[in-house]
């Protein structure tokens, strides 16, 4: 199979690259340039508008961390809204929680859903066929403005704040998301790479703090993104720092979240613990 080197630029003078196959898929949907590659390091990986989105072998770094800090803190998560996230990875993580009754996935681009369902099964693991998941194709911001439904968690699994997506990182949209949260609910999202996007991280966090009483930023190294990446959990009352390490492990055990790789982090334990 012929190969190519894919480069992604974090800034005008900083970037990173991976060796991949020639595109397995390469087309323009109604909204964006969609590409699928095979990588020796990451397996299949999805790229949108020349930006790496997710891959088979490292998706848990991102998806577990955008979901579980808030989800484990919440005492009984039942209803969740995911905006973006058409690869299904965030939904798969949410559906691990036994109390979940309904997840709405609001994704703009049907093409991302179609590609992911067919080619990225090791990421969504069938989540999009789970009867608790309801798929809404269309503008996620419009859904938030118009819905009468309420949620325990809103996850903004968005592309970077470029072009039309900029509006989804503003105070006004965060306030609209707050309005669809149940008491005790939270919003989670990624906020960029502090080393490369300091202004972005600062601005998004400030916008969140104008809306929510509690904003907890946290950092995760995401290999596919080439950097330490920022996330945030925002709420009027839910605070991931309110739980001790022992309480977190107890909730993980009680909910039988046995296949988490990053939370403990189990993937490092498997690499470093002596063999039995």
Protein backbone atom coordinates (compact mmCIF):
# COMPACT_ATOMS: atom_id res chain seq x y z
CA UNK A 1 0.00 0.00 0.00
CA UNK A 2 1.42 3.40 -0.95
CA UNK A 3 2.12 5.84 1.86
CA UNK A 4 2.06 9.53 2.50
CA UNK A 5 3.12 11.87 5.31
CA UNK A 6 0.28 13.88 6.83
CA UNK A 7 1.14 17.11 8.59
CA UNK A 8 -1.09 19.13 10.88
CA UNK A 9 -0.13 22.64 11.91
CA UNK A 10 -0.87 23.70 15.48
CA UNK A 11 0.27 27.24 14.73
CA UNK A 12 1.79 28.99 11.75
CA UNK A 13 5.24 27.71 12.70
CA UNK A 14 4.60 24.54 14.75
CA UNK A 15 3.16 21.21 13.71
CA UNK A 16 3.58 17.44 13.64
CA UNK A 17 3.25 14.61 11.17
CA UNK A 18 2.39 10.92 10.82
CA UNK A 19 2.98 8.31 8.14
CA UNK A 20 -0.29 6.93 6.78
CA UNK A 21 -1.69 5.11 3.81
CA UNK A 22 -3.09 6.96 0.85
CA UNK A 23 -6.70 7.92 1.70
CA UNK A 24 -9.11 5.02 2.07
CA UNK A 25 -11.89 7.60 1.64
CA UNK A 26 -11.53 11.13 0.32
CA UNK A 27 -14.59 13.25 -0.50
CA UNK A 28 -16.37 16.49 0.25
CA UNK A 29 -19.65 16.26 2.11
CA UNK A 30 -22.15 19.12 2.19
CA UNK A 31 -20.12 20.66 5.04
CA UNK A 32 -16.48 19.57 5.00
CA UNK A 33 -13.61 17.59 3.51
CA UNK A 34 -13.81 14.02 4.87
CA UNK A 35 -10.82 11.65 4.75
CA UNK A 36 -10.10 8.25 6.23
CA UNK A 37 -6.56 6.84 6.45
CA UNK A 38 -4.77 3.76 7.80
CA UNK A 39 -1.83 4.53 10.08
CA UNK A 40 0.73 2.08 11.49
CA UNK A 41 0.68 4.03 14.77
CA UNK A 42 -3.04 4.73 15.14
CA UNK A 43 -4.95 2.31 12.93
CA UNK A 44 -7.77 3.93 11.02
CA UNK A 45 -7.97 7.66 11.56
CA UNK A 46 -10.54 10.25 10.59
CA UNK A 47 -9.54 13.66 9.26
CA UNK A 48 -11.93 16.58 8.66
CA UNK A 49 -10.87 19.70 6.79
CA UNK A 50 -7.21 18.65 7.15
CA UNK A 51 -7.48 18.24 10.94
CA UNK A 52 -7.08 14.92 12.76
CA UNK A 53 -10.29 14.05 14.60
CA UNK A 54 -9.99 10.55 16.03
CA UNK A 55 -8.23 7.22 15.58
CA UNK A 56 -8.80 3.61 16.54
CA UNK A 57 -5.81 3.22 18.85
CA UNK A 58 -5.77 6.48 20.78
CA UNK A 59 -9.41 7.62 20.86
CA UNK A 60 -9.74 6.76 24.55
CA UNK A 61 -7.38 9.57 25.55
CA UNK A 62 -9.95 12.05 24.28
CA UNK A 63 -13.30 10.31 24.68
CA UNK A 64 -12.84 8.97 28.19
CA UNK A 65 -11.68 12.35 29.41
CA UNK A 66 -14.40 14.43 27.83
CA UNK A 67 -16.99 12.14 29.45
CA UNK A 68 -16.00 10.49 32.70
CA UNK A 69 -14.70 13.27 35.00
CA UNK A 70 -18.19 14.79 34.95
CA UNK A 71 -20.12 11.53 34.48
CA UNK A 72 -18.48 9.78 37.43
CA UNK A 73 -18.99 12.86 39.62
CA UNK A 74 -22.70 12.99 38.82
CA UNK A 75 -24.60 10.76 41.28
CA UNK A 76 -27.07 9.36 38.74
CA UNK A 77 -26.58 10.33 35.12
CA UNK A 78 -29.74 9.68 33.09
CA UNK A 79 -30.03 12.01 30.11
CA UNK A 80 -27.12 13.32 28.03
CA UNK A 81 -26.80 15.57 24.99
CA UNK A 82 -23.75 15.28 22.71
CA UNK A 83 -23.23 18.04 20.15
CA UNK A 84 -20.86 16.98 17.40
CA UNK A 85 -19.18 13.69 18.14
CA UNK A 86 -20.33 11.94 14.97
CA UNK A 87 -17.68 9.23 15.39
CA UNK A 88 -19.75 7.90 18.31
CA UNK A 89 -16.81 7.60 20.71
CA UNK A 90 -18.22 9.95 23.36
CA UNK A 91 -21.61 8.22 23.18
CA UNK A 92 -19.95 4.84 23.66
CA UNK A 93 -18.31 6.09 26.85
CA UNK A 94 -21.54 7.62 28.18
CA UNK A 95 -23.51 4.43 27.57
CA UNK A 96 -21.17 2.53 29.88
CA UNK A 97 -22.95 4.17 32.82
CA UNK A 98 -25.82 1.86 33.86
CA UNK A 99 -28.15 4.71 34.90
CA UNK A 100 -28.30 6.17 31.37
CA UNK A 101 -31.82 6.31 29.94
CA UNK A 102 -31.31 8.51 26.86
CA UNK A 103 -28.48 10.05 24.83
CA UNK A 104 -29.18 12.52 22.04
CA UNK A 105 -26.40 12.84 19.49
CA UNK A 106 -26.79 16.10 17.55
CA UNK A 107 -24.39 15.89 14.60
CA UNK A 108 -24.41 18.32 11.69
CA UNK A 109 -22.95 16.03 9.03
CA UNK A 110 -24.62 12.74 8.11
CA UNK A 111 -21.46 11.79 6.18
CA UNK A 112 -19.44 11.62 9.41
CA UNK A 113 -22.05 9.29 10.91
CA UNK A 114 -22.03 7.07 7.82
CA UNK A 115 -18.23 6.82 7.62
CA UNK A 116 -17.92 6.14 11.34
CA UNK A 117 -20.64 3.50 11.45
CA UNK A 118 -19.02 1.56 8.63
CA UNK A 119 -15.31 2.05 9.26
CA UNK A 120 -14.77 3.06 12.91
CA UNK A 121 -16.63 0.32 14.76
CA UNK A 122 -13.75 -0.13 17.20
CA UNK A 123 -14.37 3.45 18.34
CA UNK A 124 -18.16 3.55 18.71
CA UNK A 125 -18.52 -0.21 19.39
CA UNK A 126 -22.09 -0.19 18.14
CA UNK A 127 -23.18 2.74 20.30
CA UNK A 128 -25.12 4.34 17.47
CA UNK A 129 -27.35 1.27 17.30
CA UNK A 130 -28.04 1.32 21.04
CA UNK A 131 -31.79 1.85 21.65
CA UNK A 132 -30.99 4.51 24.26
CA UNK A 133 -29.35 6.71 21.62
CA UNK A 134 -31.37 9.13 19.50
CA UNK A 135 -29.63 10.64 16.48
CA UNK A 136 -30.49 14.18 15.37
CA UNK A 137 -28.87 15.33 12.12
CA UNK A 138 -28.68 19.10 11.94
CA UNK A 139 -27.45 22.24 13.64
CA UNK A 140 -26.61 21.45 17.26
CA UNK A 141 -26.86 25.10 18.29
CA UNK A 142 -30.37 25.31 16.86
CA UNK A 143 -31.32 22.14 18.71
CA UNK A 144 -30.14 23.65 22.00
CA UNK A 145 -32.10 26.85 21.38
CA UNK A 146 -35.30 25.05 20.42
CA UNK A 147 -35.49 21.94 22.60
CA UNK A 148 -37.71 21.66 25.64
CA UNK A 149 -35.76 18.64 26.87
CA UNK A 150 -33.39 18.81 29.83
CA UNK A 151 -30.12 16.95 30.39
CA UNK A 152 -27.78 15.95 33.19
CA UNK A 153 -24.75 16.42 30.96
CA UNK A 154 -24.06 18.36 27.77
CA UNK A 155 -20.91 17.36 25.89
CA UNK A 156 -19.56 19.72 23.25
CA UNK A 157 -17.52 17.33 21.09
CA UNK A 158 -16.74 19.99 18.53
CA UNK A 159 -14.30 20.75 15.76
CA UNK A 160 -11.85 23.55 16.52
CA UNK A 161 -13.20 27.11 16.83
CA UNK A 162 -12.70 28.05 13.19
CA UNK A 163 -15.27 29.50 10.80
CA UNK A 164 -18.89 28.82 11.75
CA UNK A 165 -17.79 26.74 14.75
CA UNK A 166 -16.53 29.90 16.50
CA UNK A 167 -20.08 30.68 17.66
CA UNK A 168 -20.20 27.41 19.62
CA UNK A 169 -17.36 28.61 21.87
CA UNK A 170 -18.98 31.91 22.87
CA UNK A 171 -20.66 32.96 26.11
CA UNK A 172 -24.08 33.14 24.44
CA UNK A 173 -24.00 29.51 23.37
CA UNK A 174 -22.69 28.36 26.74
CA UNK A 175 -25.62 30.18 28.35
CA UNK A 176 -28.03 28.38 26.02
CA UNK A 177 -26.46 25.06 27.03
CA UNK A 178 -26.82 25.98 30.70
CA UNK A 179 -30.54 26.53 30.12
CA UNK A 180 -31.02 22.90 29.01
CA UNK A 181 -29.23 21.42 32.04
CA UNK A 182 -31.06 19.82 34.92
CA UNK A 183 -30.12 21.00 38.43
CA UNK A 184 -26.75 19.48 39.25
CA UNK A 185 -25.89 19.08 35.58
CA UNK A 186 -22.66 19.96 33.80
CA UNK A 187 -21.13 20.85 30.46
CA UNK A 188 -17.85 19.39 29.24
CA UNK A 189 -15.73 20.30 26.22
CA UNK A 190 -12.20 20.53 24.87
CA UNK A 191 -10.55 23.96 25.00
CA UNK A 192 -7.33 23.58 22.96
CA UNK A 193 -3.61 23.10 23.58
CA UNK A 194 -2.26 25.54 26.19
CA UNK A 195 1.28 25.46 24.78
CA UNK A 196 0.10 26.33 21.27
CA UNK A 197 -3.31 28.01 21.75
CA UNK A 198 -2.88 30.07 24.95
CA UNK A 199 -5.26 32.82 23.85
CA UNK A 200 -7.90 30.28 22.84
CA UNK A 201 -7.67 28.42 26.15
CA UNK A 202 -7.87 31.67 28.10
CA UNK A 203 -10.81 33.03 26.10
CA UNK A 204 -12.91 29.86 26.22
CA UNK A 205 -12.32 29.44 29.95
CA UNK A 206 -13.25 33.09 30.56
CA UNK A 207 -16.45 32.65 28.53
CA UNK A 208 -17.38 29.59 30.57
CA UNK A 209 -16.76 31.47 33.82
CA UNK A 210 -19.18 34.20 32.75
CA UNK A 211 -21.92 31.56 32.65
CA UNK A 212 -21.10 28.86 35.22
CA UNK A 213 -20.21 29.10 38.92
CA UNK A 214 -17.68 26.25 38.75
CA UNK A 215 -15.22 25.76 35.87
CA UNK A 216 -12.57 23.05 36.23
CA UNK A 217 -9.97 22.91 33.45
CA UNK A 218 -7.82 19.78 33.14
CA UNK A 219 -5.10 18.55 30.82
CA UNK A 220 -4.64 15.32 28.86
CA UNK A 221 -1.95 14.36 26.36
CA UNK A 222 -3.73 13.26 23.17
CA UNK A 223 -1.17 11.57 20.88
CA UNK A 224 -3.16 12.15 17.68
CA UNK A 225 -3.37 15.87 18.47
CA UNK A 226 0.38 16.18 18.95
CA UNK A 227 0.14 18.06 22.25
CA UNK A 228 -1.16 18.27 25.78
CA UNK A 229 -4.82 19.15 25.30
CA UNK A 230 -7.12 21.13 27.56
CA UNK A 231 -10.61 20.14 28.65
CA UNK A 232 -13.09 21.79 30.99
CA UNK A 233 -16.03 20.75 33.13
CA UNK A 234 -18.45 23.62 33.86
CA UNK A 235 -21.43 23.60 36.22
CA UNK A 236 -23.29 25.58 38.83
CA UNK A 237 -22.85 22.85 41.42
CA UNK A 238 -21.13 19.70 40.10
CA UNK A 239 -17.42 19.73 40.89
CA UNK A 240 -15.10 16.82 39.95
CA UNK A 241 -12.70 17.97 42.66
CA UNK A 242 -15.34 17.26 45.30
CA UNK A 243 -14.65 13.51 45.08
CA UNK A 244 -11.63 11.90 46.69
CA UNK A 245 -9.55 9.38 44.76
CA UNK A 246 -11.13 6.62 46.84
CA UNK A 247 -14.65 7.85 46.01
CA UNK A 248 -13.83 7.96 42.31
CA UNK A 249 -12.55 4.39 42.33
CA UNK A 250 -15.59 3.29 44.34
CA UNK A 251 -18.00 4.78 41.79
CA UNK A 252 -16.07 3.25 38.90
CA UNK A 253 -16.35 -0.13 40.63
CA UNK A 254 -20.04 0.30 41.54
CA UNK A 255 -20.93 1.22 37.96
CA UNK A 256 -18.81 -1.61 36.59
CA UNK A 257 -16.81 0.73 34.34
CA UNK A 258 -14.23 -2.00 33.96
CA UNK A 259 -12.88 -1.26 30.50
CA UNK A 260 -11.68 2.29 31.08
CA UNK A 261 -8.11 2.63 29.86
CA UNK A 262 -7.15 6.14 30.89
CA UNK A 263 -8.93 6.81 34.16
CA UNK A 264 -6.52 5.03 36.50
CA UNK A 265 -4.68 4.94 33.97
CA UNK A 266 -5.01 1.26 33.18
CA UNK A 267 -3.14 1.43 29.87
CA UNK A 268 0.02 2.49 31.74
CA UNK A 269 -0.47 -0.18 34.40
CA UNK A 270 -0.60 -2.86 31.73
CA UNK A 271 2.67 -1.60 30.28
CA UNK A 272 4.55 -1.33 33.57
CA UNK A 273 3.27 -3.97 35.99
CA UNK A 274 5.20 -7.25 36.19
CA UNK A 275 3.63 -10.24 34.47
CA UNK A 276 1.95 -12.79 36.73
